[in-house]
Amino acid sequence: METFLKDKKISISVFILIIVVSLFALVKTVHEVVGKDRLSSINQPVNTITVSGKGEVSAVSDIASLYINLNKDGKTAKEAQNLLNESITKTLTYLKEQKIEDKDIKSEYGGFNPKYSYEQPVCYSYSCPTKDPKIIGYTATQSITVKIREVDTASEIRTGLAGIGVTDISGPTFLIDNEDSYKDEARAKAITDAKEKAKVLAKELGVRLGKISSFNENNGGGNYPMYSAKVMMADSVASSAVAPTLPKGENKITSDVIITYEIK
């Protein structure tokens, strides 16, 4: 009797083990099948169409920029710097008299450069002795960028600077102060242009547009007319000439976008 019960228990245990192994194998097989289906769906290419759009906004310049370069020579670095300081003070005083605020006056570069003499002794032989270059003085330099918000006065201010002895001026260059708002507007126009093209293309192909899978923008920035002149004039000429009002021109801010849609 005991042997029969033992054999029965063993048979039940084996039966349960077989069921567990079978369930494990079934689950594993299902996972493999599902995994293959998922992998197949991932690897399956998605049909797409790609369109481009262009947006353009026109704007008139609302600021002008002048680039001023001040240079003074001296026998010593201190003498050159003192002379430069006088020139800087005179320049800043004039700009403030023209209602230019401190925030619109920016120092770009400043420094010293030695001046050398490269004179060599007169020699008539084949092998002549040479002398090392000799420092004969120093040049102190300071560059300043000035932003002029009253654009029509840019030429007059440039002439006034020449009148106080500033003879190295570039500009005015006409710019847009707050360009970001125009860039946003140009981008919005470019996206609308691309969307309209996508709708037309989808209709012609007989497909439906899905979600956007990629977006790229190439911001063309501004296409500015550059008015730049280097002023080299005598005080008498500067004081007698009437400063003209320079034309600002029209600036174009552009945006080019590329949009890729999934199609159904």
Protein backbone atom coordinates (compact mmCIF):
# COMPACT_ATOMS: atom_id res chain seq x y z
CA MET A 1 0.00 0.00 0.00
CA GLU A 2 2.80 2.42 0.92
CA THR A 3 4.59 1.63 -2.33
CA PHE A 4 1.45 2.43 -4.31
CA LEU A 5 1.03 5.78 -2.56
CA LYS A 6 4.66 6.66 -3.11
CA ASP A 7 4.40 5.77 -6.80
CA LYS A 8 1.25 7.84 -7.06
CA LYS A 9 2.92 10.88 -5.46
CA ILE A 10 5.88 10.51 -7.80
CA SER A 11 3.57 10.32 -10.80
CA ILE A 12 1.73 13.47 -9.70
CA SER A 13 5.03 15.32 -9.17
CA VAL A 14 6.27 14.29 -12.59
CA PHE A 15 2.96 15.36 -14.13
CA ILE A 16 3.16 18.76 -12.45
CA LEU A 17 6.79 19.16 -13.58
CA ILE A 18 5.80 18.34 -17.16
CA ILE A 19 3.02 20.95 -17.03
CA VAL A 20 5.43 23.60 -15.65
CA VAL A 21 8.04 22.84 -18.31
CA SER A 22 5.38 22.92 -21.02
CA LEU A 23 4.04 26.28 -19.80
CA PHE A 24 7.59 27.69 -19.68
CA ALA A 25 8.25 26.52 -23.23
CA LEU A 26 4.93 27.99 -24.39
CA VAL A 27 5.62 31.36 -22.79
CA LYS A 28 9.11 31.43 -24.27
CA THR A 29 7.76 30.65 -27.73
CA VAL A 30 5.12 33.39 -27.44
CA HIS A 31 7.76 35.92 -26.37
CA GLU A 32 9.97 34.97 -29.29
CA VAL A 33 7.12 35.35 -31.75
CA VAL A 34 6.05 38.71 -30.30
CA GLY A 35 9.66 39.89 -30.23
CA LYS A 36 10.11 39.00 -33.89
CA ASP A 37 6.91 40.85 -34.77
CA ARG A 38 8.04 43.92 -32.85
CA LEU A 39 11.50 43.80 -34.43
CA SER A 40 9.92 43.41 -37.83
CA SER A 41 7.70 46.42 -37.24
CA ILE A 42 10.67 48.47 -36.03
CA ASN A 43 12.85 47.56 -38.98
CA GLN A 44 10.05 48.12 -41.47
CA PRO A 45 10.69 51.43 -43.29
CA VAL A 46 8.15 54.22 -42.82
CA ASN A 47 6.90 55.94 -45.94
CA THR A 48 7.54 59.69 -45.84
CA ILE A 49 7.48 62.79 -47.99
CA THR A 50 9.76 65.80 -47.54
CA VAL A 51 8.88 69.36 -48.45
CA SER A 52 10.66 72.70 -48.18
CA GLY A 53 9.28 76.13 -47.35
CA LYS A 54 10.59 79.67 -47.58
CA GLY A 55 9.61 82.76 -45.62
CA GLU A 56 10.74 86.34 -46.11
CA VAL A 57 10.15 89.54 -44.16
CA SER A 58 11.19 93.05 -45.15
CA ALA A 59 12.18 95.65 -42.58
CA VAL A 60 13.75 99.11 -42.52
CA SER A 61 16.90 99.56 -40.42
CA ASP A 62 16.28 101.20 -37.06
CA ILE A 63 19.88 101.61 -35.82
CA ALA A 64 23.21 102.66 -37.33
CA SER A 65 26.67 101.56 -36.23
CA LEU A 66 29.99 103.40 -36.40
CA TYR A 67 33.38 101.76 -35.82
CA ILE A 68 35.96 104.19 -34.44
CA ASN A 69 39.67 103.42 -34.27
CA LEU A 70 41.83 105.77 -32.16
CA ASN A 71 45.64 105.66 -32.48
CA LYS A 72 48.25 107.81 -30.73
CA ASP A 73 52.06 107.64 -30.97
CA GLY A 74 54.57 108.48 -28.22
CA LYS A 75 58.22 108.01 -27.45
CA THR A 76 57.25 105.92 -24.43
CA ALA A 77 54.25 103.69 -23.75
CA LYS A 78 53.08 106.08 -21.03
CA GLU A 79 53.22 109.09 -23.34
CA ALA A 80 51.27 107.20 -26.04
CA GLN A 81 48.64 106.12 -23.48
CA ASN A 82 48.25 109.64 -22.10
CA LEU A 83 47.69 111.02 -25.58
CA LEU A 84 45.21 108.24 -26.31
CA ASN A 85 43.34 108.92 -23.06
CA GLU A 86 42.90 112.55 -24.11
CA SER A 87 41.52 111.44 -27.47
CA ILE A 88 39.16 108.90 -25.86
CA THR A 89 37.87 111.51 -23.40
CA LYS A 90 37.24 114.01 -26.21
CA THR A 91 35.46 111.35 -28.28
CA LEU A 92 33.22 110.15 -25.43
CA THR A 93 32.37 113.73 -24.46
CA TYR A 94 31.27 114.47 -28.02
CA LEU A 95 29.16 111.27 -28.22
CA LYS A 96 27.38 112.09 -24.96
CA GLU A 97 26.67 115.59 -26.27
CA GLN A 98 24.93 113.84 -29.17
CA LYS A 99 22.69 111.97 -26.68
CA ILE A 100 24.45 108.61 -27.22
CA GLU A 101 23.90 106.51 -24.07
CA ASP A 102 26.68 104.56 -22.35
CA LYS A 103 25.02 101.24 -23.19
CA ASP A 104 25.41 102.06 -26.89
CA ILE A 105 29.17 102.71 -26.67
CA LYS A 106 31.24 99.52 -26.61
CA SER A 107 35.02 99.11 -26.34
CA GLU A 108 36.23 96.54 -28.86
CA TYR A 109 40.04 96.47 -28.66
CA GLY A 110 42.84 98.29 -26.87
CA GLY A 111 46.58 97.80 -26.58
CA PHE A 112 50.16 98.88 -27.30
CA ASN A 113 52.43 98.19 -30.24
CA PRO A 114 56.12 99.12 -30.33
CA LYS A 115 57.44 101.06 -33.32
CA TYR A 116 60.74 99.78 -34.73
CA SER A 117 63.54 101.30 -36.75
CA TYR A 118 65.08 98.90 -39.27
CA GLU A 119 67.92 101.14 -40.43
CA GLN A 120 71.05 99.26 -41.45
CA PRO A 121 74.60 100.64 -41.82
CA VAL A 122 75.85 101.46 -45.29
CA CYS A 123 78.07 98.61 -46.49
CA TYR A 124 79.86 97.90 -49.77
CA SER A 125 81.44 94.55 -48.91
CA TYR A 126 80.02 91.12 -49.67
CA SER A 127 79.28 90.26 -46.02
CA CYS A 128 77.70 93.23 -44.22
CA PRO A 129 77.05 93.42 -40.49
CA THR A 130 73.41 93.80 -39.47
CA LYS A 131 71.82 95.68 -36.63
CA ASP A 132 68.86 94.47 -34.61
CA PRO A 133 65.64 96.50 -34.98
CA LYS A 134 65.46 99.35 -32.50
CA ILE A 135 62.35 100.47 -30.64
CA ILE A 136 61.83 104.17 -31.35
CA GLY A 137 58.37 104.61 -29.85
CA TYR A 138 54.96 103.11 -29.10
CA THR A 139 51.46 103.24 -30.56
CA ALA A 140 48.46 103.07 -28.21
CA THR A 141 45.21 101.88 -29.80
CA GLN A 142 41.56 101.83 -28.76
CA SER A 143 38.63 100.74 -30.93
CA ILE A 144 35.05 101.71 -30.14
CA THR A 145 31.72 100.69 -31.65
CA VAL A 146 28.92 103.24 -31.40
CA LYS A 147 25.25 102.37 -31.83
CA ILE A 148 23.16 105.29 -33.07
CA ARG A 149 19.41 104.98 -32.53
CA GLU A 150 18.53 108.22 -34.31
CA VAL A 151 19.51 106.70 -37.64
CA ASP A 152 19.22 109.88 -39.70
CA THR A 153 21.89 111.58 -37.58
CA ALA A 154 24.57 108.95 -38.28
CA SER A 155 26.28 110.89 -41.06
CA GLU A 156 26.18 114.11 -39.03
CA ILE A 157 27.76 112.39 -36.01
CA ARG A 158 30.45 110.88 -38.22
CA THR A 159 31.27 114.32 -39.60
CA GLY A 160 31.35 115.77 -36.08
CA LEU A 161 33.84 113.12 -34.96
CA ALA A 162 36.09 113.99 -37.86
CA GLY A 163 35.83 117.60 -36.76
CA ILE A 164 37.34 116.81 -33.34
CA GLY A 165 40.25 114.94 -34.87
CA VAL A 166 38.94 111.37 -35.18
CA THR A 167 40.16 110.40 -38.64
CA ASP A 168 39.73 106.61 -38.70
CA ILE A 169 36.00 105.84 -38.84
CA SER A 170 34.13 103.02 -40.60
CA GLY A 171 30.42 103.24 -41.17
CA PRO A 172 27.66 103.88 -40.74
CA THR A 173 26.40 100.33 -41.14
CA PHE A 174 22.60 100.11 -40.95
CA LEU A 175 21.13 97.26 -38.91
CA ILE A 176 17.96 96.04 -37.23
CA ASP A 177 18.12 96.23 -33.44
CA ASN A 178 15.55 93.55 -32.54
CA GLU A 179 15.94 91.02 -35.32
CA ASP A 180 14.49 88.03 -33.43
CA SER A 181 10.86 89.07 -33.93
CA TYR A 182 11.42 89.31 -37.68
CA LYS A 183 13.14 85.91 -37.70
CA ASP A 184 10.13 84.38 -35.92
CA GLU A 185 7.79 85.92 -38.48
CA ALA A 186 9.90 84.65 -41.38
CA ARG A 187 10.01 81.14 -39.86
CA ALA A 188 6.21 81.09 -39.42
CA LYS A 189 5.79 82.01 -43.09
CA ALA A 190 8.26 79.30 -44.14
CA ILE A 191 6.41 76.62 -42.13
CA THR A 192 3.05 77.69 -43.60
CA ASP A 193 4.58 77.51 -47.09
CA ALA A 194 5.90 73.98 -46.42
CA LYS A 195 2.54 72.80 -45.01
CA GLU A 196 0.65 74.02 -48.07
CA LYS A 197 3.10 72.24 -50.35
CA ALA A 198 2.73 69.03 -48.32
CA LYS A 199 -1.08 69.13 -48.59
CA VAL A 200 -0.94 69.59 -52.36
CA LEU A 201 1.64 66.83 -52.78
CA ALA A 202 -0.31 64.40 -50.59
CA LYS A 203 -3.47 65.03 -52.60
CA GLU A 204 -1.66 64.45 -55.89
CA LEU A 205 -0.12 61.21 -54.56
CA GLY A 206 -3.39 59.99 -53.09
CA VAL A 207 -2.04 59.62 -49.54
CA ARG A 208 -2.80 61.13 -46.14
CA LEU A 209 -0.33 63.11 -44.07
CA GLY A 210 0.74 61.66 -40.73
CA LYS A 211 2.87 63.11 -37.98
CA ILE A 212 5.99 65.16 -38.62
CA SER A 213 9.10 62.99 -38.32
CA SER A 214 11.75 65.70 -38.76
CA PHE A 215 12.15 69.46 -39.02
CA ASN A 216 15.15 71.53 -40.04
CA GLU A 217 15.62 75.28 -40.42
CA ASN A 218 18.30 77.18 -42.26
CA ASN A 219 17.98 80.73 -41.03
CA GLY A 220 19.30 83.04 -43.70
CA GLY A 221 19.44 85.98 -41.29
CA GLY A 222 19.40 89.47 -42.68
CA ASN A 223 20.50 90.72 -46.05
CA TYR A 224 21.70 94.17 -45.13
CA PRO A 225 22.84 96.96 -47.40
CA MET A 226 26.22 98.01 -46.00
CA TYR A 227 27.18 101.67 -46.13
CA SER A 228 30.80 101.86 -45.05
CA ALA A 229 33.33 104.62 -45.61
CA LYS A 230 36.69 105.43 -44.09
CA VAL A 231 36.86 109.11 -43.23
CA MET A 232 40.21 110.81 -43.79
CA MET A 233 39.61 114.56 -43.90
CA ALA A 234 41.15 117.79 -42.66
CA ASP A 235 39.42 119.85 -39.96
CA SER A 236 38.67 122.64 -42.40
CA VAL A 237 36.88 120.28 -44.78
CA ALA A 238 34.96 118.58 -41.99
CA SER A 239 33.75 121.86 -40.55
CA SER A 240 32.55 123.23 -43.88
CA ALA A 241 30.89 120.15 -45.39
CA VAL A 242 27.18 119.57 -44.86
CA ALA A 243 26.50 116.03 -43.63
CA PRO A 244 23.98 114.28 -45.92
CA THR A 245 21.28 111.92 -44.69
CA LEU A 246 22.25 108.50 -45.99
CA PRO A 247 19.53 106.13 -47.28
CA LYS A 248 18.91 103.19 -44.95
CA GLY A 249 17.66 100.79 -47.60
CA GLU A 250 15.38 97.79 -47.06
CA ASN A 251 16.56 94.67 -45.24
CA LYS A 252 15.29 91.17 -45.87
CA ILE A 253 15.17 88.48 -43.19
CA THR A 254 14.67 84.99 -44.61
CA SER A 255 14.04 81.51 -43.26
CA ASP A 256 14.21 78.18 -45.12
CA VAL A 257 12.68 75.07 -43.52
CA ILE A 258 12.53 71.38 -44.46
CA ILE A 259 9.71 69.24 -43.02
CA THR A 260 9.37 65.46 -43.35
CA TYR A 261 5.89 63.92 -42.89
CA GLU A 262 4.95 60.30 -42.42
CA ILE A 263 2.27 59.28 -44.91
CA LYS A 264 -0.56 56.79 -44.57
